[in-house]
Amino acid sequence: MLGWGFPPNVSGGLDTAVGELFEQFDTRDDVAIDLVLPEEYAPDRPHVHGVPTGEGDVRERINRLSETFVDRAADADIVHTHDWFGYGPGSRAHAAHDIEWVTTYHSLTSDRNRDPPARERETEQRIVDQADHLVAVSDLVRRSIDAEYGGESHVIHNGFSSVEATGRDLKAELDVAGDMLFFVGRHTHQKGIEHLVYALDRFDPGEVTLVVGGTGHLTDRLKAFVDLLGIEEMVEFVGYVPEPDLGDYYASADAFVSPSLSEPFGITIVESLSVGTRVVACESGAAEVLPEGCLTEVDPHSRSIARGIREALDAGPLPAYDPRGWDTVADEHVEFYRSILAD
C-alpha cells in the first residue's frame, strides 16, 4: 500500500484512513501489509517503509519513492494506492509485476479545487482508465467518479474515527461569549469557511463565537473577511490543533460546523459526534451511514448555515447510533481483495 501521512502526522482524512487500515491489517493473520510512505511521515514500525523524498511538489516527491514501491510489490498479490498521487508508483508496479492494482478515491480534484488543475484531472482519468479496480469512500464519490470520468467503483465507507476528551474546558480558556461553534480543517475553498464566517453576520454580538482551528492558504484572507464584516469579537482563530487536544475542542463546543462545498466522507463529522457534540453539515459521505437526526444538514450558503446552527443549538440530545468500526472497514477490504483475486 502507498500512503502519504500517518497518524499523528496527518494532512487530512486520507492519512487517517490509511493509518487505521494499516493498524487493522497488521494484527490479522489473513492479510500481510507493507506500507510505503515518505520518510518524514513514516513511523519507525515493522512493515512501514519510509523513503526519503527530498524537495519539490507532491508528484516529484512521490515519484522518488516509486522504485521502493515497485520492489516491495514484487511478492504481493495486490498493490493499493490512494487518490491521484498514487498514479506513478501504482502504474509502475502494475506494469512490472502484472499485479492487481486497486486505487481508492477519498476525493477528486474537483472536490478540493474551484478550478481543478488540468494535470490532476488528467492523472485521475488515467487512473480510472488503467487501474484494475476503483474504490470510493462514499456513494457521493462513486457518483462523481462516474459523472466526471466514466469509471465504475466499489463503495467501502470509511470508519468512524473517535476522539477522547480530557475534561479541559476550552470554552472557558478562550473566554467564549455565548454558544461556542467549532470548525477544524484545512483553510481551502473546498471547506466553505467563508460561508460560515458570513453566516455569523446573522447573529447578534455575544450570541455565538466561532472557534476556527487549522491553517491554509486562505487563512489571511479569512481574517481580512472577518475584519471587513466587523465581527472580530465573534471569531477566534486558534491555528493548528494538536491531535491530543481535538477531543476537548469538540467536547467544549455547543455545535461543530462543517460547511464544506464538498465533503466526500467527513472524518471531522464523526469525530465530533463521538464526544456527543451536535453537527451542522453540508452534504457528506458520512451522512450515508448515520441515522436520521445525527446531523443538521444545510446547503453551502450563509442563510442555510445560520438556520442550521440555530436548529442544532435548540435540539435535544443526539440519537443513539452504532459507530462504524475500522475493523468492519478492514473486513470489507479483505472481502473485496479476495473477490478480485478469485476473479
Protein backbone atom coordinates (compact mmCIF):
# COMPACT_ATOMS: atom_id res chain seq x y z
CA MET A 1 0.00 0.00 0.00
CA LEU A 2 1.10 3.54 -0.76
CA GLY A 3 0.26 6.42 1.57
CA TRP A 4 1.35 9.96 2.28
CA GLY A 5 0.95 10.70 6.02
CA PHE A 6 0.43 8.52 9.06
CA PRO A 7 -1.20 9.44 12.40
CA PRO A 8 -0.39 11.69 14.16
CA ASN A 9 1.35 13.24 11.11
CA VAL A 10 -1.79 13.72 9.03
CA SER A 11 -2.90 16.31 6.49
CA GLY A 12 -6.43 15.01 6.06
CA GLY A 13 -8.85 12.11 6.20
CA LEU A 14 -6.92 10.05 3.66
CA ASP A 15 -3.94 9.77 6.02
CA THR A 16 -6.22 8.80 8.89
CA ALA A 17 -7.87 6.10 6.79
CA VAL A 18 -4.54 4.64 5.65
CA GLY A 19 -3.27 4.60 9.23
CA GLU A 20 -6.41 2.89 10.53
CA LEU A 21 -6.31 0.26 7.78
CA PHE A 22 -2.65 -0.44 8.47
CA GLU A 23 -3.34 -0.95 12.18
CA GLN A 24 -6.15 -3.37 11.40
CA PHE A 25 -4.26 -5.35 8.74
CA ASP A 26 -1.09 -5.51 10.83
CA THR A 27 -2.86 -7.51 13.55
CA ARG A 28 -4.57 -10.03 11.25
CA ASP A 29 -3.38 -13.47 10.21
CA ASP A 30 -5.19 -13.48 6.87
CA VAL A 31 -3.51 -10.44 5.31
CA ALA A 32 0.03 -9.06 5.29
CA ILE A 33 0.71 -5.41 4.51
CA ASP A 34 3.77 -3.40 3.54
CA LEU A 35 3.13 0.34 3.69
CA VAL A 36 5.38 2.74 1.77
CA LEU A 37 5.44 6.39 2.90
CA PRO A 38 7.62 9.47 2.60
CA GLU A 39 10.29 9.11 5.29
CA GLU A 40 9.38 12.32 7.13
CA TYR A 41 5.88 10.99 7.92
CA ALA A 42 6.69 7.32 8.43
CA PRO A 43 6.73 5.83 11.95
CA ASP A 44 9.57 3.50 12.93
CA ARG A 45 7.50 0.34 12.73
CA PRO A 46 7.81 -3.10 11.15
CA HIS A 47 6.19 -3.27 7.71
CA VAL A 48 6.34 0.53 7.29
CA HIS A 49 8.93 1.64 4.74
CA GLY A 50 9.91 5.30 4.84
CA VAL A 51 11.63 6.63 1.74
CA PRO A 52 13.48 9.97 1.50
CA THR A 53 11.63 12.15 -0.99
CA GLY A 54 13.58 15.42 -0.86
CA GLU A 55 12.20 18.76 -2.02
CA GLY A 56 9.57 19.56 -4.62
CA ASP A 57 5.85 19.16 -5.14
CA VAL A 58 3.84 16.07 -4.23
CA ARG A 59 4.24 14.48 -7.67
CA GLU A 60 8.03 14.84 -7.67
CA ARG A 61 8.38 13.52 -4.13
CA ILE A 62 6.09 10.54 -4.69
CA ASN A 63 7.92 9.58 -7.89
CA ARG A 64 11.16 9.36 -5.88
CA LEU A 65 9.75 6.50 -3.85
CA SER A 66 8.41 4.60 -6.88
CA GLU A 67 11.45 2.32 -7.05
CA THR A 68 10.98 1.18 -3.45
CA PHE A 69 7.25 0.72 -4.00
CA VAL A 70 7.83 -1.39 -7.10
CA ASP A 71 10.44 -3.50 -5.26
CA ARG A 72 8.12 -4.10 -2.27
CA ALA A 73 5.31 -5.09 -4.66
CA ALA A 74 7.30 -7.95 -6.22
CA ASP A 75 5.89 -10.59 -3.87
CA ALA A 76 2.47 -9.01 -3.31
CA ASP A 77 -0.94 -10.09 -4.59
CA ILE A 78 -2.31 -6.56 -4.79
CA VAL A 79 -0.97 -3.01 -4.85
CA HIS A 80 -3.27 -0.43 -3.29
CA THR A 81 -2.81 3.30 -3.87
CA HIS A 82 -4.92 6.31 -2.91
CA ASP A 83 -6.11 9.32 -4.91
CA TRP A 84 -4.27 10.89 -7.83
CA PHE A 85 -0.79 10.95 -6.26
CA GLY A 86 -0.54 7.16 -6.40
CA TYR A 87 -0.59 7.03 -10.20
CA GLY A 88 3.18 6.86 -10.81
CA PRO A 89 4.11 4.14 -8.26
CA GLY A 90 0.89 2.22 -8.83
CA SER A 91 1.11 2.12 -12.61
CA ARG A 92 4.80 1.13 -12.49
CA ALA A 93 4.21 -1.70 -10.02
CA HIS A 94 1.22 -2.82 -12.05
CA ALA A 95 3.31 -2.97 -15.24
CA ALA A 96 6.42 -4.51 -13.63
CA HIS A 97 4.67 -7.40 -11.91
CA ASP A 98 1.38 -7.81 -13.80
CA ILE A 99 -0.27 -7.37 -10.41
CA GLU A 100 -3.82 -6.33 -9.46
CA TRP A 101 -3.94 -2.56 -8.90
CA VAL A 102 -6.55 -1.06 -6.58
CA THR A 103 -6.98 2.69 -6.13
CA THR A 104 -9.19 4.29 -3.50
CA TYR A 105 -10.60 7.72 -4.21
CA HIS A 106 -11.14 9.67 -1.00
CA SER A 107 -11.98 12.77 -3.05
CA LEU A 108 -11.49 14.15 -6.54
CA THR A 109 -9.53 17.23 -7.51
CA SER A 110 -12.86 18.88 -8.32
CA ASP A 111 -13.82 18.41 -4.66
CA ARG A 112 -10.67 20.19 -3.49
CA ASN A 113 -10.38 22.99 -6.04
CA ARG A 114 -12.67 25.60 -7.54
CA ASP A 115 -10.54 25.46 -10.68
CA PRO A 116 -9.07 21.93 -10.71
CA PRO A 117 -5.51 21.73 -12.09
CA ALA A 118 -5.57 20.14 -15.56
CA ARG A 119 -2.66 17.89 -14.63
CA GLU A 120 -4.55 16.39 -11.67
CA ARG A 121 -7.67 15.84 -13.77
CA GLU A 122 -5.60 14.09 -16.44
CA THR A 123 -3.97 11.89 -13.81
CA GLU A 124 -7.33 10.95 -12.28
CA GLN A 125 -8.60 9.98 -15.73
CA ARG A 126 -5.52 7.83 -16.33
CA ILE A 127 -6.09 6.01 -13.04
CA VAL A 128 -9.72 5.36 -13.93
CA ASP A 129 -8.63 4.03 -17.33
CA GLN A 130 -5.68 1.94 -16.14
CA ALA A 131 -6.29 0.70 -12.60
CA ASP A 132 -7.89 -2.72 -12.31
CA HIS A 133 -10.28 -1.74 -9.54
CA LEU A 134 -11.57 1.53 -8.08
CA VAL A 135 -12.87 2.01 -4.55
CA ALA A 136 -14.85 5.07 -3.43
CA VAL A 137 -15.27 6.08 0.22
CA SER A 138 -18.93 7.02 -0.30
CA ASP A 139 -21.75 6.92 -2.82
CA LEU A 140 -21.14 10.63 -3.21
CA VAL A 141 -17.62 9.94 -4.51
CA ARG A 142 -18.82 6.97 -6.60
CA ARG A 143 -21.30 9.18 -8.45
CA SER A 144 -18.63 11.84 -9.06
CA ILE A 145 -16.16 9.30 -10.49
CA ASP A 146 -18.83 8.04 -12.87
CA ALA A 147 -20.00 11.51 -13.89
CA GLU A 148 -16.54 13.04 -14.40
CA TYR A 149 -14.50 10.10 -15.70
CA GLY A 150 -16.92 7.34 -16.71
CA GLY A 151 -15.50 4.91 -14.14
CA GLU A 152 -17.26 2.28 -12.06
CA SER A 153 -16.18 1.98 -8.43
CA HIS A 154 -16.92 -0.19 -5.43
CA VAL A 155 -18.03 1.68 -2.30
CA ILE A 156 -16.35 0.98 1.04
CA HIS A 157 -17.26 3.69 3.53
CA ASN A 158 -14.64 4.93 5.94
CA GLY A 159 -14.80 4.01 9.59
CA PHE A 160 -15.78 6.33 12.39
CA SER A 161 -12.69 7.79 13.97
CA SER A 162 -13.23 8.78 17.58
CA VAL A 163 -11.53 11.28 19.86
CA GLU A 164 -11.29 11.48 23.63
CA ALA A 165 -11.91 14.50 25.81
CA THR A 166 -9.89 15.04 28.99
CA GLY A 167 -12.33 17.45 30.60
CA ARG A 168 -10.39 20.54 29.62
CA ASP A 169 -12.84 23.45 29.14
CA LEU A 170 -11.72 25.30 26.02
CA LYS A 171 -14.83 27.44 26.12
CA ALA A 172 -13.68 28.93 29.41
CA GLU A 173 -9.99 29.11 28.42
CA LEU A 174 -10.84 31.07 25.28
CA ASP A 175 -13.36 33.23 27.16
CA VAL A 176 -16.03 32.41 24.60
CA ALA A 177 -19.07 34.66 24.58
CA GLY A 178 -22.39 32.86 24.03
CA ASP A 179 -22.51 29.44 22.38
CA MET A 180 -19.26 28.03 21.04
CA LEU A 181 -19.18 26.93 17.40
CA PHE A 182 -16.15 24.95 16.27
CA PHE A 183 -14.59 24.31 12.88
CA VAL A 184 -11.34 22.49 12.19
CA GLY A 185 -9.79 21.67 8.84
CA ARG A 186 -7.63 22.99 6.03
CA HIS A 187 -8.37 26.59 5.11
CA THR A 188 -9.23 25.95 1.45
CA HIS A 189 -12.13 26.85 -0.81
CA GLN A 190 -13.43 23.26 -0.55
CA LYS A 191 -14.15 23.71 3.15
CA GLY A 192 -16.55 26.63 2.58
CA ILE A 193 -15.33 28.52 5.65
CA GLU A 194 -16.17 31.92 4.14
CA HIS A 195 -19.87 30.93 4.06
CA LEU A 196 -19.68 30.02 7.75
CA VAL A 197 -17.97 33.31 8.62
CA TYR A 198 -20.57 35.26 6.66
CA ALA A 199 -23.34 33.35 8.50
CA LEU A 200 -22.15 34.93 11.76
CA ASP A 201 -23.39 38.28 10.48
CA ARG A 202 -26.90 36.90 11.10
CA PHE A 203 -26.25 36.58 14.86
CA ASP A 204 -26.07 39.29 17.50
CA PRO A 205 -22.71 40.04 19.17
CA GLY A 206 -22.28 37.79 22.20
CA GLU A 207 -24.78 35.24 20.87
CA VAL A 208 -22.19 32.87 19.39
CA THR A 209 -18.41 32.66 18.98
CA LEU A 210 -16.80 30.70 16.16
CA VAL A 211 -13.52 28.97 17.07
CA VAL A 212 -11.58 28.24 13.88
CA GLY A 213 -8.91 25.54 14.00
CA GLY A 214 -6.44 24.69 11.27
CA THR A 215 -4.47 26.70 8.73
CA GLY A 216 -4.16 27.01 4.98
CA HIS A 217 -3.60 29.32 2.05
CA LEU A 218 -6.87 31.16 2.81
CA THR A 219 -6.16 31.93 6.48
CA ASP A 220 -5.09 35.55 5.96
CA ARG A 221 -7.98 36.15 3.57
CA LEU A 222 -10.46 34.75 6.11
CA LYS A 223 -9.07 37.03 8.82
CA ALA A 224 -9.42 40.01 6.49
CA PHE A 225 -13.02 38.97 5.75
CA VAL A 226 -13.75 38.84 9.49
CA ASP A 227 -12.35 42.38 9.86
CA LEU A 228 -14.37 43.59 6.87
CA LEU A 229 -17.59 42.28 8.42
CA GLY A 230 -16.71 43.84 11.77
CA ILE A 231 -17.18 40.57 13.67
CA GLU A 232 -13.70 40.25 15.20
CA GLU A 233 -15.20 39.62 18.65
CA MET A 234 -17.22 36.69 17.29
CA VAL A 235 -14.32 34.73 15.74
CA GLU A 236 -11.26 33.16 17.38
CA PHE A 237 -8.52 31.72 15.14
CA VAL A 238 -6.56 29.13 17.15
CA GLY A 239 -4.33 27.75 14.39
CA TYR A 240 -3.21 24.14 14.18
CA VAL A 241 -4.94 21.96 16.77
CA PRO A 242 -2.72 19.09 18.01
CA GLU A 243 -4.44 15.73 17.81
CA PRO A 244 -4.45 15.18 21.62
CA ASP A 245 -6.39 18.44 22.03
CA LEU A 246 -9.04 17.75 19.40
CA GLY A 247 -11.38 15.87 21.74
CA ASP A 248 -11.55 18.78 24.16
CA TYR A 249 -12.25 21.28 21.38
CA TYR A 250 -15.10 19.16 20.04
CA ALA A 251 -16.48 18.47 23.52
CA SER A 252 -16.30 22.12 24.59
CA ALA A 253 -18.30 23.25 21.56
CA ASP A 254 -22.06 23.60 21.53
CA ALA A 255 -22.02 22.66 17.85
CA PHE A 256 -19.45 21.63 15.26
CA VAL A 257 -19.96 23.13 11.80
CA SER A 258 -18.79 21.51 8.56
CA PRO A 259 -19.68 23.98 5.77
CA SER A 260 -17.78 22.12 3.03
CA LEU A 261 -18.72 22.65 -0.59
CA SER A 262 -17.72 19.01 -0.99
CA GLU A 263 -17.13 16.52 1.82
CA PRO A 264 -16.62 13.08 0.26
CA PHE A 265 -16.73 11.46 3.69
CA GLY A 266 -16.14 13.78 6.66
CA ILE A 267 -13.87 12.41 9.40
CA THR A 268 -14.35 15.58 11.48
CA ILE A 269 -18.11 14.99 11.47
CA VAL A 270 -17.86 11.57 13.11
CA GLU A 271 -15.11 12.75 15.46
CA SER A 272 -17.42 15.44 16.80
CA LEU A 273 -20.30 13.00 17.21
CA SER A 274 -18.01 10.63 19.13
CA VAL A 275 -17.94 13.07 22.09
CA GLY A 276 -21.65 13.88 21.82
CA THR A 277 -21.41 17.27 20.11
CA ARG A 278 -24.05 18.07 17.53
CA VAL A 279 -23.01 18.71 13.93
CA VAL A 280 -24.22 21.14 11.30
CA ALA A 281 -23.01 19.89 7.92
CA CYS A 282 -23.43 20.28 4.20
CA GLU A 283 -23.76 17.16 2.05
CA SER A 284 -21.27 14.47 3.13
CA GLY A 285 -20.47 10.81 2.71
CA ALA A 286 -20.72 10.29 6.47
CA ALA A 287 -24.44 11.07 6.29
CA GLU A 288 -24.90 7.88 4.24
CA VAL A 289 -24.00 5.70 7.24
CA LEU A 290 -25.58 7.75 10.04
CA PRO A 291 -29.19 7.51 11.25
CA GLU A 292 -31.58 10.39 10.82
CA GLY A 293 -31.23 13.07 13.47
CA CYS A 294 -27.46 12.86 13.94
CA LEU A 295 -26.77 15.74 11.57
CA THR A 296 -28.42 19.06 10.88
CA GLU A 297 -27.99 19.19 7.11
CA VAL A 298 -27.60 22.54 5.36
CA ASP A 299 -26.70 23.99 1.99
CA PRO A 300 -23.36 25.75 1.44
CA HIS A 301 -24.56 29.32 1.79
CA SER A 302 -24.75 31.62 4.78
CA ARG A 303 -28.52 31.77 5.27
CA SER A 304 -28.89 27.99 5.34
CA ILE A 305 -25.87 27.57 7.64
CA ALA A 306 -27.20 30.19 10.09
CA ARG A 307 -30.57 28.44 10.15
CA GLY A 308 -28.88 25.08 10.76
CA ILE A 309 -26.79 26.47 13.62
CA ARG A 310 -29.90 27.80 15.38
CA GLU A 311 -31.67 24.49 14.84
CA ALA A 312 -28.74 22.47 16.22
CA LEU A 313 -28.32 24.71 19.27
CA ASP A 314 -32.02 24.25 20.09
CA ALA A 315 -32.03 20.48 19.53
CA GLY A 316 -32.01 17.86 22.25
CA PRO A 317 -29.53 15.02 22.84
CA LEU A 318 -28.09 13.10 19.92
CA PRO A 319 -29.92 9.90 18.92
CA ALA A 320 -28.15 6.63 19.66
CA TYR A 321 -26.18 5.14 16.79
CA ASP A 322 -23.69 2.33 16.22
CA PRO A 323 -20.27 3.70 15.23
CA ARG A 324 -18.85 2.07 12.13
CA GLY A 325 -15.64 0.41 13.31
CA TRP A 326 -12.42 0.27 11.35
CA ASP A 327 -12.43 -3.48 11.94
CA THR A 328 -15.57 -3.59 9.79
CA VAL A 329 -13.84 -1.47 7.15
CA ALA A 330 -10.89 -3.86 7.18
CA ASP A 331 -13.22 -6.88 6.86
CA GLU A 332 -14.86 -5.30 3.82
CA HIS A 333 -11.48 -4.59 2.22
CA VAL A 334 -10.29 -8.16 2.75
CA GLU A 335 -13.55 -9.49 1.30
CA PHE A 336 -13.07 -7.18 -1.70
CA TYR A 337 -9.43 -8.26 -2.16
CA ARG A 338 -10.46 -11.94 -2.09
CA SER A 339 -13.20 -11.36 -4.63
CA ILE A 340 -10.90 -9.72 -7.16
CA LEU A 341 -8.20 -12.35 -6.70
CA ALA A 342 -10.79 -15.09 -7.17
CA ASP A 343 -11.90 -13.48 -10.42
